[in-house]
Amino acid sequence: MTQKPARMPSRRTQVVLGAFFFVIPCALFILQLGSNDAQSGVLLTKLAPIQERPTQDIIIEAIDENALWDTIVIHHLGQPAGTPEELDRLHRNSGLSGLGYHFLIGNGNGFGNGDVHIGYRWLNQLVGARPVDVDTRKWSDGTISICLVGNGNMRQFTEQQLLHLSHLVQRLQLELSIPPNNVLLAHEMSSGTSSPGTYFAEGQFRSQLLDIPSIAKP
């Protein structure tokens, strides 16, 4: 794909939701909403390691030069199956403007095993949803949300999911200078969830993070 998706205006309104965002991961969310009504996204069936990253990389090309992305958080869906379209409808029916995550990684139940859906929030550089009880010292408008389809409290994620998760996180780390201590699991940010679950291979995942040095904030 050579054409970069058009970005929509970035006018944002904060909405407090009293309904669930999804059954298991979290119950209450605060969402920064943009004026974008698009339900579209981009699906990647292959995600090469950073050493083989293509010259035209839609993940990186989408980044706004003024963006302040500084943290990555990993969620699970809390359900065994799901598609971007289903979740988009669910989130809209809950009062959101569309899919709340920046990225969604399939497990073969709903859409392809390891396929990476790039959501409109990333394509348009919009902030995502955050739990009401989140530790605000760890979460900011610069938090990138990645969700794995599946329930990490019931079973392990697939090898292809974990492989493409690592490739995705490494690309974001490298491009945005995000240190490993700013790559967090959802339960590290919020006491209201165990996401991405007890079966998430945390040791394996963290061993593949890039050793990007931390930069002290002024």
N, C-alpha and C. Protein backbone atom coordinates (compact mmCIF):
# COMPACT_ATOMS: atom_id res chain seq x y z
N MET A 1 0.85 -1.20 0.00
CA MET A 1 0.00 0.00 0.00
C MET A 1 0.88 1.24 0.00
N THR A 2 0.63 2.10 -0.96
CA THR A 2 1.52 3.25 -1.11
C THR A 2 0.86 4.55 -0.69
N GLN A 3 -0.47 4.54 -0.59
CA GLN A 3 -1.13 5.80 -0.25
C GLN A 3 -1.44 5.85 1.23
N LYS A 4 -1.02 6.87 1.87
CA LYS A 4 -1.24 7.05 3.31
C LYS A 4 -2.68 7.50 3.55
N PRO A 5 -3.41 6.84 4.46
CA PRO A 5 -4.79 7.24 4.73
C PRO A 5 -4.86 8.69 5.22
N ALA A 6 -5.91 9.38 4.76
CA ALA A 6 -6.06 10.78 5.16
C ALA A 6 -6.38 10.89 6.63
N ARG A 7 -5.80 11.88 7.29
CA ARG A 7 -6.09 12.12 8.69
C ARG A 7 -7.30 13.05 8.80
N MET A 8 -8.14 12.77 9.77
CA MET A 8 -9.30 13.61 10.02
C MET A 8 -8.93 14.70 11.02
N PRO A 9 -9.77 15.71 11.16
CA PRO A 9 -9.49 16.77 12.13
C PRO A 9 -9.34 16.20 13.52
N SER A 10 -8.55 16.86 14.35
CA SER A 10 -8.20 16.31 15.66
C SER A 10 -8.97 16.95 16.81
N ARG A 11 -10.13 17.61 16.52
CA ARG A 11 -10.94 18.19 17.59
C ARG A 11 -11.40 17.08 18.52
N ARG A 12 -11.17 17.21 19.82
CA ARG A 12 -11.43 16.13 20.76
C ARG A 12 -12.34 16.58 21.89
N THR A 13 -13.17 15.65 22.33
CA THR A 13 -14.05 15.91 23.45
C THR A 13 -13.93 14.76 24.42
N GLN A 14 -13.89 15.04 25.70
CA GLN A 14 -13.75 13.97 26.68
C GLN A 14 -15.13 13.52 27.15
N VAL A 15 -15.34 12.21 27.08
CA VAL A 15 -16.63 11.64 27.46
C VAL A 15 -16.40 10.61 28.54
N VAL A 16 -17.18 10.65 29.59
CA VAL A 16 -17.09 9.66 30.65
C VAL A 16 -18.19 8.64 30.42
N LEU A 17 -17.82 7.38 30.35
CA LEU A 17 -18.77 6.32 30.06
C LEU A 17 -19.06 5.51 31.30
N GLY A 18 -20.32 5.26 31.56
CA GLY A 18 -20.71 4.45 32.71
C GLY A 18 -21.04 3.04 32.32
N ALA A 19 -20.81 2.66 31.07
CA ALA A 19 -21.08 1.30 30.61
C ALA A 19 -19.79 0.58 30.35
N PHE A 20 -19.88 -0.74 30.20
CA PHE A 20 -18.66 -1.51 29.98
C PHE A 20 -18.11 -1.27 28.60
N PHE A 21 -16.78 -1.32 28.50
CA PHE A 21 -16.07 -1.23 27.23
C PHE A 21 -15.95 -2.61 26.64
N PHE A 22 -15.63 -3.59 27.47
CA PHE A 22 -15.73 -5.00 27.10
C PHE A 22 -15.80 -5.80 28.37
N VAL A 23 -16.27 -7.02 28.29
CA VAL A 23 -16.71 -7.77 29.46
C VAL A 23 -15.64 -7.94 30.51
N ILE A 24 -14.45 -8.42 30.15
CA ILE A 24 -13.47 -8.79 31.15
C ILE A 24 -12.42 -7.73 31.40
N PRO A 25 -11.79 -7.14 30.37
CA PRO A 25 -10.65 -6.27 30.66
C PRO A 25 -10.95 -5.09 31.56
N CYS A 26 -12.02 -4.35 31.30
CA CYS A 26 -12.31 -3.16 32.10
C CYS A 26 -13.80 -2.87 32.04
N ALA A 27 -14.30 -2.17 33.05
CA ALA A 27 -15.72 -1.87 33.09
C ALA A 27 -16.01 -0.42 32.74
N LEU A 28 -15.20 0.52 33.20
CA LEU A 28 -15.46 1.93 32.96
C LEU A 28 -14.30 2.56 32.22
N PHE A 29 -14.61 3.35 31.22
CA PHE A 29 -13.57 3.98 30.43
C PHE A 29 -13.83 5.46 30.24
N ILE A 30 -12.75 6.22 30.21
CA ILE A 30 -12.82 7.61 29.76
C ILE A 30 -12.21 7.63 28.38
N LEU A 31 -12.87 8.26 27.44
CA LEU A 31 -12.39 8.25 26.07
C LEU A 31 -12.20 9.66 25.56
N GLN A 32 -11.07 9.88 24.92
CA GLN A 32 -10.87 11.12 24.19
C GLN A 32 -11.40 10.88 22.79
N LEU A 33 -12.46 11.57 22.38
CA LEU A 33 -13.08 11.32 21.10
C LEU A 33 -12.66 12.36 20.08
N GLY A 34 -12.38 11.90 18.87
CA GLY A 34 -12.12 12.82 17.79
C GLY A 34 -13.38 12.99 16.96
N SER A 35 -13.31 13.80 15.92
CA SER A 35 -14.46 14.03 15.07
C SER A 35 -14.53 13.01 13.94
N ASN A 36 -13.69 11.98 13.98
CA ASN A 36 -13.64 10.97 12.94
C ASN A 36 -14.78 9.98 13.07
N ASP A 37 -15.53 9.75 11.99
CA ASP A 37 -16.60 8.77 12.00
C ASP A 37 -16.22 7.52 11.22
N ALA A 38 -15.00 7.42 10.73
CA ALA A 38 -14.60 6.30 9.91
C ALA A 38 -14.55 5.01 10.70
N GLN A 39 -15.03 3.92 10.10
CA GLN A 39 -14.95 2.61 10.72
C GLN A 39 -13.80 1.81 10.11
N SER A 40 -13.09 2.43 9.20
CA SER A 40 -12.08 1.71 8.44
C SER A 40 -10.78 1.59 9.21
N GLY A 41 -9.95 0.70 8.73
CA GLY A 41 -8.61 0.51 9.24
C GLY A 41 -7.82 -0.20 8.17
N VAL A 42 -6.64 -0.66 8.53
CA VAL A 42 -5.77 -1.36 7.59
C VAL A 42 -5.39 -2.69 8.21
N LEU A 43 -5.47 -3.77 7.44
CA LEU A 43 -5.13 -5.10 7.93
C LEU A 43 -3.79 -5.54 7.35
N LEU A 44 -2.86 -5.91 8.23
CA LEU A 44 -1.57 -6.45 7.82
C LEU A 44 -1.54 -7.93 8.15
N THR A 45 -1.32 -8.76 7.14
CA THR A 45 -1.24 -10.20 7.38
C THR A 45 0.19 -10.65 7.67
N LYS A 46 1.14 -9.82 7.35
CA LYS A 46 2.55 -10.10 7.65
C LYS A 46 3.16 -8.86 8.31
N LEU A 47 3.97 -9.09 9.32
CA LEU A 47 4.65 -7.98 9.98
C LEU A 47 6.09 -8.41 10.20
N ALA A 48 6.97 -7.91 9.35
CA ALA A 48 8.36 -8.33 9.37
C ALA A 48 9.08 -7.76 10.59
N PRO A 49 10.17 -8.42 11.01
CA PRO A 49 10.99 -7.85 12.08
C PRO A 49 11.63 -6.54 11.63
N ILE A 50 12.13 -5.78 12.60
CA ILE A 50 12.62 -4.44 12.27
C ILE A 50 13.78 -4.47 11.28
N GLN A 51 14.55 -5.56 11.28
CA GLN A 51 15.68 -5.65 10.35
C GLN A 51 15.20 -5.75 8.91
N GLU A 52 13.95 -6.19 8.70
CA GLU A 52 13.40 -6.38 7.36
C GLU A 52 12.23 -5.43 7.10
N ARG A 53 12.15 -4.37 7.87
CA ARG A 53 11.03 -3.44 7.74
C ARG A 53 11.00 -2.84 6.34
N PRO A 54 9.83 -2.80 5.70
CA PRO A 54 9.74 -2.26 4.34
C PRO A 54 10.01 -0.76 4.32
N THR A 55 10.43 -0.28 3.15
CA THR A 55 10.70 1.14 3.00
C THR A 55 9.45 1.97 3.26
N GLN A 56 8.33 1.49 2.74
CA GLN A 56 7.05 2.15 2.99
C GLN A 56 6.34 1.39 4.10
N ASP A 57 6.33 1.95 5.27
CA ASP A 57 5.79 1.30 6.46
C ASP A 57 4.61 2.13 6.96
N ILE A 58 3.40 1.63 6.75
CA ILE A 58 2.21 2.41 7.08
C ILE A 58 2.11 2.69 8.57
N ILE A 59 2.65 1.80 9.40
CA ILE A 59 2.62 2.02 10.85
C ILE A 59 3.41 3.27 11.20
N ILE A 60 4.58 3.39 10.61
CA ILE A 60 5.46 4.53 10.91
C ILE A 60 5.02 5.77 10.15
N GLU A 61 4.56 5.60 8.91
CA GLU A 61 4.14 6.75 8.11
C GLU A 61 2.97 7.49 8.74
N ALA A 62 2.16 6.78 9.52
CA ALA A 62 1.00 7.41 10.14
C ALA A 62 1.36 8.37 11.27
N ILE A 63 2.57 8.25 11.81
CA ILE A 63 2.94 9.02 12.99
C ILE A 63 3.01 10.52 12.68
N ASP A 64 2.31 11.28 13.48
CA ASP A 64 2.34 12.74 13.37
C ASP A 64 3.65 13.24 13.97
N GLU A 65 4.32 14.14 13.27
CA GLU A 65 5.61 14.62 13.76
C GLU A 65 5.50 15.36 15.09
N ASN A 66 4.29 15.81 15.41
CA ASN A 66 4.08 16.49 16.68
C ASN A 66 3.52 15.58 17.77
N ALA A 67 3.37 14.30 17.44
CA ALA A 67 2.81 13.35 18.40
C ALA A 67 3.78 13.13 19.56
N LEU A 68 3.22 12.83 20.71
CA LEU A 68 4.02 12.62 21.92
C LEU A 68 3.81 11.21 22.46
N TRP A 69 3.77 10.22 21.59
CA TRP A 69 3.61 8.84 22.03
C TRP A 69 4.81 8.43 22.88
N ASP A 70 4.54 7.95 24.10
CA ASP A 70 5.66 7.63 24.98
C ASP A 70 5.49 6.34 25.77
N THR A 71 4.34 5.68 25.63
CA THR A 71 4.05 4.47 26.39
C THR A 71 3.27 3.50 25.52
N ILE A 72 3.49 2.20 25.74
CA ILE A 72 2.74 1.15 25.06
C ILE A 72 2.10 0.27 26.12
N VAL A 73 0.82 -0.06 25.94
CA VAL A 73 0.14 -0.94 26.89
C VAL A 73 -0.50 -2.10 26.13
N ILE A 74 -0.36 -3.30 26.70
CA ILE A 74 -0.86 -4.53 26.08
C ILE A 74 -2.10 -5.00 26.83
N HIS A 75 -3.19 -5.20 26.09
CA HIS A 75 -4.44 -5.71 26.63
C HIS A 75 -4.74 -7.08 26.03
N HIS A 76 -5.68 -7.81 26.65
CA HIS A 76 -6.33 -8.90 25.94
C HIS A 76 -7.80 -8.54 25.77
N LEU A 77 -8.46 -9.22 24.82
CA LEU A 77 -9.86 -8.92 24.56
C LEU A 77 -10.75 -9.46 25.66
N GLY A 78 -10.32 -10.57 26.28
CA GLY A 78 -11.14 -11.19 27.30
C GLY A 78 -12.19 -12.13 26.73
N GLN A 79 -12.17 -12.35 25.43
CA GLN A 79 -13.09 -13.24 24.74
C GLN A 79 -12.30 -14.08 23.75
N PRO A 80 -12.75 -15.31 23.44
CA PRO A 80 -11.97 -16.20 22.58
C PRO A 80 -11.91 -15.78 21.13
N ALA A 81 -12.85 -14.94 20.68
CA ALA A 81 -12.90 -14.56 19.27
C ALA A 81 -13.36 -13.12 19.14
N GLY A 82 -13.07 -12.55 17.99
CA GLY A 82 -13.52 -11.18 17.74
C GLY A 82 -12.93 -10.67 16.44
N THR A 83 -13.63 -9.75 15.82
CA THR A 83 -13.15 -9.10 14.60
C THR A 83 -13.14 -7.59 14.82
N PRO A 84 -12.36 -6.87 14.03
CA PRO A 84 -12.36 -5.41 14.14
C PRO A 84 -13.75 -4.82 13.93
N GLU A 85 -14.51 -5.40 12.98
CA GLU A 85 -15.84 -4.87 12.69
C GLU A 85 -16.79 -5.08 13.87
N GLU A 86 -16.74 -6.27 14.48
CA GLU A 86 -17.60 -6.54 15.63
C GLU A 86 -17.27 -5.61 16.79
N LEU A 87 -15.99 -5.45 17.05
CA LEU A 87 -15.59 -4.60 18.17
C LEU A 87 -15.91 -3.14 17.90
N ASP A 88 -15.76 -2.73 16.65
CA ASP A 88 -16.12 -1.36 16.30
C ASP A 88 -17.60 -1.11 16.60
N ARG A 89 -18.45 -2.06 16.19
CA ARG A 89 -19.89 -1.91 16.45
C ARG A 89 -20.18 -1.92 17.95
N LEU A 90 -19.52 -2.84 18.67
CA LEU A 90 -19.73 -2.93 20.12
C LEU A 90 -19.35 -1.63 20.81
N HIS A 91 -18.21 -1.09 20.45
CA HIS A 91 -17.75 0.14 21.08
C HIS A 91 -18.64 1.32 20.72
N ARG A 92 -19.13 1.36 19.47
CA ARG A 92 -20.05 2.42 19.08
C ARG A 92 -21.36 2.30 19.85
N ASN A 93 -21.85 1.08 20.01
CA ASN A 93 -23.09 0.87 20.76
C ASN A 93 -22.92 1.24 22.23
N SER A 94 -21.68 1.25 22.71
CA SER A 94 -21.41 1.65 24.09
C SER A 94 -21.20 3.16 24.22
N GLY A 95 -21.32 3.87 23.09
CA GLY A 95 -21.21 5.32 23.12
C GLY A 95 -19.89 5.87 22.63
N LEU A 96 -18.98 4.99 22.18
CA LEU A 96 -17.69 5.47 21.67
C LEU A 96 -17.81 5.85 20.20
N SER A 97 -16.78 6.43 19.66
CA SER A 97 -16.78 6.83 18.26
C SER A 97 -16.24 5.73 17.35
N GLY A 98 -15.90 4.59 17.90
CA GLY A 98 -15.37 3.48 17.13
C GLY A 98 -14.40 2.67 17.96
N LEU A 99 -13.68 1.78 17.31
CA LEU A 99 -12.74 0.89 17.99
C LEU A 99 -11.81 1.68 18.91
N GLY A 100 -11.76 1.29 20.17
CA GLY A 100 -11.01 2.06 21.15
C GLY A 100 -9.52 1.80 21.17
N TYR A 101 -9.08 0.68 20.59
CA TYR A 101 -7.67 0.34 20.57
C TYR A 101 -6.98 0.92 19.33
N HIS A 102 -5.70 1.11 19.41
CA HIS A 102 -4.93 1.53 18.24
C HIS A 102 -4.63 0.34 17.33
N PHE A 103 -4.36 -0.82 17.93
CA PHE A 103 -4.02 -2.02 17.17
C PHE A 103 -4.76 -3.21 17.77
N LEU A 104 -5.15 -4.16 16.90
CA LEU A 104 -5.80 -5.39 17.32
C LEU A 104 -5.11 -6.54 16.60
N ILE A 105 -4.72 -7.58 17.34
CA ILE A 105 -3.99 -8.71 16.75
C ILE A 105 -4.84 -9.97 16.87
N GLY A 106 -5.17 -10.58 15.72
CA GLY A 106 -6.06 -11.73 15.67
C GLY A 106 -5.42 -13.03 16.10
N ASN A 107 -6.30 -14.00 16.46
CA ASN A 107 -5.83 -15.33 16.86
C ASN A 107 -6.36 -16.43 15.96
N GLY A 108 -6.96 -16.06 14.83
CA GLY A 108 -7.53 -17.05 13.92
C GLY A 108 -9.00 -17.30 14.16
N ASN A 109 -9.54 -16.76 15.23
CA ASN A 109 -10.97 -16.89 15.53
C ASN A 109 -11.64 -15.53 15.34
N GLY A 110 -12.12 -15.33 14.14
CA GLY A 110 -12.72 -14.04 13.79
C GLY A 110 -11.95 -13.40 12.66
N PHE A 111 -10.65 -13.23 12.84
CA PHE A 111 -9.79 -12.86 11.72
C PHE A 111 -8.42 -13.50 11.92
N GLY A 112 -7.55 -13.36 10.92
CA GLY A 112 -6.38 -14.20 10.79
C GLY A 112 -5.47 -14.29 12.01
N ASN A 113 -4.88 -15.45 12.18
CA ASN A 113 -3.94 -15.70 13.26
C ASN A 113 -2.70 -14.83 13.08
N GLY A 114 -2.50 -13.88 13.98
CA GLY A 114 -1.36 -12.98 13.89
C GLY A 114 -1.59 -11.75 13.03
N ASP A 115 -2.74 -11.69 12.34
CA ASP A 115 -3.03 -10.51 11.53
C ASP A 115 -3.13 -9.28 12.43
N VAL A 116 -2.60 -8.17 11.96
CA VAL A 116 -2.59 -6.93 12.73
C VAL A 116 -3.54 -5.93 12.08
N HIS A 117 -4.59 -5.58 12.81
CA HIS A 117 -5.51 -4.53 12.35
C HIS A 117 -5.02 -3.20 12.91
N ILE A 118 -4.71 -2.28 12.00
CA ILE A 118 -4.33 -0.92 12.40
C ILE A 118 -5.61 -0.10 12.43
N GLY A 119 -6.01 0.32 13.61
CA GLY A 119 -7.27 1.04 13.75
C GLY A 119 -7.19 2.49 13.31
N TYR A 120 -8.38 3.07 13.13
CA TYR A 120 -8.42 4.46 12.65
C TYR A 120 -7.81 5.42 13.66
N ARG A 121 -7.79 5.04 14.94
CA ARG A 121 -7.20 5.93 15.93
C ARG A 121 -5.70 6.09 15.70
N TRP A 122 -5.05 5.02 15.27
CA TRP A 122 -3.63 5.15 14.96
C TRP A 122 -3.43 5.87 13.63
N LEU A 123 -4.22 5.50 12.64
CA LEU A 123 -4.08 6.12 11.32
C LEU A 123 -4.30 7.63 11.38
N ASN A 124 -5.16 8.06 12.30
CA ASN A 124 -5.46 9.48 12.45
C ASN A 124 -4.82 10.09 13.68
N GLN A 125 -3.99 9.31 14.36
CA GLN A 125 -3.22 9.79 15.51
C GLN A 125 -4.13 10.36 16.60
N LEU A 126 -5.16 9.59 16.95
CA LEU A 126 -6.08 9.95 18.01
C LEU A 126 -5.80 9.13 19.26
N VAL A 127 -6.04 9.71 20.41
CA VAL A 127 -5.83 8.97 21.65
C VAL A 127 -6.90 7.89 21.79
N GLY A 128 -6.58 6.86 22.57
CA GLY A 128 -7.50 5.76 22.75
C GLY A 128 -8.25 5.83 24.07
N ALA A 129 -8.89 4.72 24.41
CA ALA A 129 -9.67 4.65 25.65
C ALA A 129 -8.75 4.31 26.82
N ARG A 130 -9.13 4.77 28.01
CA ARG A 130 -8.36 4.42 29.19
C ARG A 130 -9.29 4.13 30.35
N PRO A 131 -8.93 3.20 31.23
CA PRO A 131 -9.78 2.87 32.36
C PRO A 131 -9.91 4.04 33.33
N VAL A 132 -11.06 4.17 33.95
CA VAL A 132 -11.29 5.23 34.93
C VAL A 132 -10.32 5.10 36.10
N ASP A 133 -10.06 3.85 36.54
CA ASP A 133 -9.21 3.66 37.72
C ASP A 133 -7.73 3.50 37.37
N VAL A 134 -7.35 3.95 36.17
CA VAL A 134 -5.96 3.81 35.74
C VAL A 134 -5.05 4.70 36.60
N ASP A 135 -3.82 4.26 36.74
CA ASP A 135 -2.80 5.07 37.41
C ASP A 135 -2.35 6.15 36.44
N THR A 136 -2.76 7.37 36.67
CA THR A 136 -2.48 8.45 35.72
C THR A 136 -1.00 8.81 35.66
N ARG A 137 -0.21 8.29 36.60
CA ARG A 137 1.24 8.51 36.52
C ARG A 137 1.84 7.65 35.41
N LYS A 138 1.11 6.61 35.00
CA LYS A 138 1.61 5.70 33.97
C LYS A 138 0.89 5.89 32.64
N TRP A 139 -0.30 6.43 32.66
CA TRP A 139 -1.10 6.60 31.45
C TRP A 139 -1.21 8.07 31.09
N SER A 140 -1.11 8.35 29.82
CA SER A 140 -1.29 9.71 29.34
C SER A 140 -1.92 9.64 27.96
N ASP A 141 -2.16 10.79 27.35
CA ASP A 141 -2.66 10.81 25.98
C ASP A 141 -1.64 10.24 25.01
N GLY A 142 -0.42 10.00 25.47
CA GLY A 142 0.61 9.41 24.64
C GLY A 142 0.70 7.90 24.76
N THR A 143 -0.32 7.27 25.32
CA THR A 143 -0.32 5.81 25.49
C THR A 143 -0.87 5.13 24.25
N ILE A 144 -0.14 4.16 23.73
CA ILE A 144 -0.54 3.37 22.56
C ILE A 144 -1.15 2.07 23.05
N SER A 145 -2.38 1.77 22.64
CA SER A 145 -3.09 0.57 23.10
C SER A 145 -3.05 -0.53 22.04
N ILE A 146 -2.57 -1.71 22.46
CA ILE A 146 -2.54 -2.88 21.59
C ILE A 146 -3.34 -3.98 22.27
N CYS A 147 -4.27 -4.59 21.54
CA CYS A 147 -5.13 -5.63 22.11
C CYS A 147 -4.94 -6.95 21.37
N LEU A 148 -4.78 -8.02 22.14
CA LEU A 148 -4.70 -9.38 21.60
C LEU A 148 -6.07 -10.03 21.70
N VAL A 149 -6.59 -10.54 20.57
CA VAL A 149 -7.84 -11.29 20.62
C VAL A 149 -7.60 -12.58 21.40
N GLY A 150 -8.50 -12.89 22.32
CA GLY A 150 -8.35 -14.07 23.16
C GLY A 150 -8.48 -13.70 24.63
N ASN A 151 -8.47 -14.72 25.46
CA ASN A 151 -8.56 -14.52 26.91
C ASN A 151 -7.34 -15.14 27.56
N GLY A 152 -6.42 -14.31 27.99
CA GLY A 152 -5.18 -14.78 28.57
C GLY A 152 -5.32 -15.40 29.94
N ASN A 153 -6.51 -15.36 30.51
CA ASN A 153 -6.76 -16.07 31.77
C ASN A 153 -7.27 -17.48 31.53
N MET A 154 -7.59 -17.79 30.27
CA MET A 154 -8.11 -19.12 29.92
C MET A 154 -7.09 -19.98 29.18
N ARG A 155 -6.31 -19.34 28.32
CA ARG A 155 -5.34 -20.10 27.52
C ARG A 155 -4.26 -19.16 27.01
N GLN A 156 -3.19 -19.77 26.49
CA GLN A 156 -2.09 -18.99 25.94
C GLN A 156 -2.49 -18.37 24.61
N PHE A 157 -1.82 -17.29 24.26
CA PHE A 157 -2.00 -16.70 22.95
C PHE A 157 -1.18 -17.50 21.94
N THR A 158 -1.49 -17.35 20.66
CA THR A 158 -0.79 -18.14 19.65
C THR A 158 0.63 -17.61 19.42
N GLU A 159 1.47 -18.49 18.91
CA GLU A 159 2.85 -18.09 18.61
C GLU A 159 2.88 -16.93 17.61
N GLN A 160 1.98 -16.98 16.63
CA GLN A 160 1.96 -15.92 15.61
C GLN A 160 1.51 -14.60 16.21
N GLN A 161 0.57 -14.64 17.14
CA GLN A 161 0.18 -13.40 17.83
C GLN A 161 1.35 -12.79 18.57
N LEU A 162 2.05 -13.62 19.33
CA LEU A 162 3.17 -13.10 20.13
C LEU A 162 4.31 -12.62 19.25
N LEU A 163 4.53 -13.31 18.12
CA LEU A 163 5.59 -12.90 17.20
C LEU A 163 5.28 -11.52 16.62
N HIS A 164 4.07 -11.34 16.12
CA HIS A 164 3.72 -10.06 15.51
C HIS A 164 3.55 -8.97 16.56
N LEU A 165 3.16 -9.34 17.77
CA LEU A 165 3.14 -8.36 18.86
C LEU A 165 4.55 -7.82 19.10
N SER A 166 5.52 -8.71 19.18
CA SER A 166 6.91 -8.28 19.40
C SER A 166 7.41 -7.41 18.26
N HIS A 167 7.12 -7.81 17.02
CA HIS A 167 7.55 -7.02 15.87
C HIS A 167 6.93 -5.63 15.89
N LEU A 168 5.64 -5.57 16.23
CA LEU A 168 4.95 -4.28 16.28
C LEU A 168 5.53 -3.39 17.37
N VAL A 169 5.69 -3.94 18.55
CA VAL A 169 6.21 -3.15 19.67
C VAL A 169 7.63 -2.68 19.39
N GLN A 170 8.46 -3.53 18.79
CA GLN A 170 9.82 -3.14 18.46
C GLN A 170 9.84 -1.97 17.47
N ARG A 171 8.97 -2.01 16.47
CA ARG A 171 8.91 -0.90 15.51
C ARG A 171 8.55 0.40 16.21
N LEU A 172 7.55 0.32 17.07
CA LEU A 172 7.12 1.52 17.79
C LEU A 172 8.20 2.02 18.74
N GLN A 173 8.84 1.09 19.44
CA GLN A 173 9.94 1.47 20.33
C GLN A 173 11.03 2.20 19.57
N LEU A 174 11.45 1.62 18.46
CA LEU A 174 12.58 2.16 17.71
C LEU A 174 12.24 3.54 17.14
N GLU A 175 11.07 3.67 16.56
CA GLU A 175 10.70 4.93 15.91
C GLU A 175 10.42 6.04 16.91
N LEU A 176 9.84 5.66 18.06
CA LEU A 176 9.40 6.66 19.03
C LEU A 176 10.29 6.75 20.26
N SER A 177 11.38 5.99 20.26
CA SER A 177 12.33 5.99 21.39
C SER A 177 11.64 5.66 22.71
N ILE A 178 10.86 4.59 22.69
CA ILE A 178 10.14 4.16 23.89
C ILE A 178 10.96 3.11 24.63
N PRO A 179 11.40 3.38 25.85
CA PRO A 179 12.21 2.42 26.60
C PRO A 179 11.37 1.25 27.09
N PRO A 180 12.00 0.12 27.40
CA PRO A 180 11.24 -1.06 27.83
C PRO A 180 10.42 -0.85 29.08
N ASN A 181 10.85 0.02 29.97
CA ASN A 181 10.07 0.26 31.18
C ASN A 181 8.79 1.05 30.91
N ASN A 182 8.64 1.54 29.68
CA ASN A 182 7.40 2.21 29.28
C ASN A 182 6.52 1.31 28.42
N VAL A 183 6.86 0.02 28.38
CA VAL A 183 6.02 -0.98 27.74
C VAL A 183 5.37 -1.77 28.86
N LEU A 184 4.07 -1.60 29.03
CA LEU A 184 3.38 -2.11 30.20
C LEU A 184 2.25 -3.06 29.83
N LEU A 185 1.90 -3.92 30.77
CA LEU A 185 0.70 -4.74 30.65
C LEU A 185 -0.45 -3.99 31.30
N ALA A 186 -1.66 -4.21 30.82
CA ALA A 186 -2.80 -3.42 31.29
C ALA A 186 -2.98 -3.49 32.80
N HIS A 187 -2.73 -4.66 33.39
CA HIS A 187 -2.93 -4.78 34.84
C HIS A 187 -1.90 -3.98 35.64
N GLU A 188 -0.80 -3.57 34.99
CA GLU A 188 0.18 -2.74 35.68
C GLU A 188 -0.29 -1.28 35.76
N MET A 189 -1.29 -0.96 34.98
CA MET A 189 -1.81 0.41 34.97
C MET A 189 -3.11 0.55 35.74
N SER A 190 -3.83 -0.56 35.89
CA SER A 190 -5.16 -0.48 36.49
C SER A 190 -5.39 -1.65 37.42
N SER A 191 -5.90 -1.37 38.60
CA SER A 191 -6.19 -2.42 39.57
C SER A 191 -7.47 -3.17 39.22
N GLY A 192 -8.22 -2.69 38.24
CA GLY A 192 -9.50 -3.29 37.91
C GLY A 192 -9.44 -4.37 36.86
N THR A 193 -8.25 -4.82 36.46
CA THR A 193 -8.14 -5.82 35.41
C THR A 193 -6.95 -6.72 35.65
N SER A 194 -7.00 -7.95 35.12
CA SER A 194 -5.86 -8.85 35.11
C SER A 194 -5.26 -8.95 33.72
N SER A 195 -5.76 -8.17 32.79
CA SER A 195 -5.34 -8.18 31.39
C SER A 195 -3.84 -7.90 31.25
N PRO A 196 -3.15 -8.60 30.37
CA PRO A 196 -3.61 -9.57 29.37
C PRO A 196 -3.70 -11.02 29.86
N GLY A 197 -3.78 -11.24 31.15
CA GLY A 197 -4.06 -12.57 31.67
C GLY A 197 -2.85 -13.32 32.17
N THR A 198 -3.14 -14.34 32.98
CA THR A 198 -2.07 -15.11 33.63
C THR A 198 -1.29 -15.98 32.66
N TYR A 199 -1.88 -16.29 31.50
CA TYR A 199 -1.18 -17.13 30.52
C TYR A 199 -0.39 -16.31 29.50
N PHE A 200 -0.41 -15.00 29.63
CA PHE A 200 0.41 -14.18 28.73
C PHE A 200 1.88 -14.44 29.02
N ALA A 201 2.66 -14.73 27.97
CA ALA A 201 4.08 -15.09 28.12
C ALA A 201 4.91 -13.83 28.35
N GLU A 202 4.81 -13.29 29.56
CA GLU A 202 5.45 -12.01 29.84
C GLU A 202 6.97 -12.08 29.73
N GLY A 203 7.57 -13.14 30.27
CA GLY A 203 9.02 -13.25 30.22
C GLY A 203 9.54 -13.28 28.80
N GLN A 204 8.90 -14.10 27.96
CA GLN A 204 9.28 -14.18 26.55
C GLN A 204 9.12 -12.83 25.86
N PHE A 205 8.00 -12.18 26.13
CA PHE A 205 7.72 -10.88 25.50
C PHE A 205 8.75 -9.84 25.91
N ARG A 206 9.02 -9.74 27.20
CA ARG A 206 9.94 -8.70 27.67
C ARG A 206 11.38 -8.96 27.20
N SER A 207 11.73 -10.22 27.01
CA SER A 207 13.09 -10.53 26.55
C SER A 207 13.33 -10.04 25.13
N GLN A 208 12.27 -9.74 24.40
CA GLN A 208 12.41 -9.30 23.01
C GLN A 208 12.25 -7.79 22.84
N LEU A 209 12.03 -7.09 23.93
CA LEU A 209 11.94 -5.63 23.84
C LEU A 209 13.31 -5.02 23.54
N LEU A 210 13.30 -3.92 22.83
CA LEU A 210 14.55 -3.23 22.52
C LEU A 210 15.04 -2.46 23.74
N ASP A 211 16.34 -2.43 23.91
CA ASP A 211 16.94 -1.74 25.06
C ASP A 211 17.13 -0.26 24.72
N ILE A 212 16.02 0.44 24.62
CA ILE A 212 16.05 1.87 24.34
C ILE A 212 16.29 2.62 25.65
N PRO A 213 17.28 3.49 25.73
CA PRO A 213 17.53 4.20 26.99
C PRO A 213 16.40 5.17 27.33
N SER A 214 16.14 5.29 28.62
CA SER A 214 15.13 6.24 29.09
C SER A 214 15.67 7.66 28.98
N ILE A 215 14.78 8.57 28.66
CA ILE A 215 15.15 9.99 28.58
C ILE A 215 14.44 10.72 29.70
N ALA A 216 15.21 11.36 30.55
CA ALA A 216 14.62 12.07 31.69
C ALA A 216 13.76 13.22 31.20
N LYS A 217 12.56 13.34 31.79
CA LYS A 217 11.68 14.45 31.43
C LYS A 217 12.12 15.72 32.16
N PRO A 218 12.04 16.86 31.49
CA PRO A 218 12.45 18.12 32.12
C PRO A 218 11.53 18.50 33.26
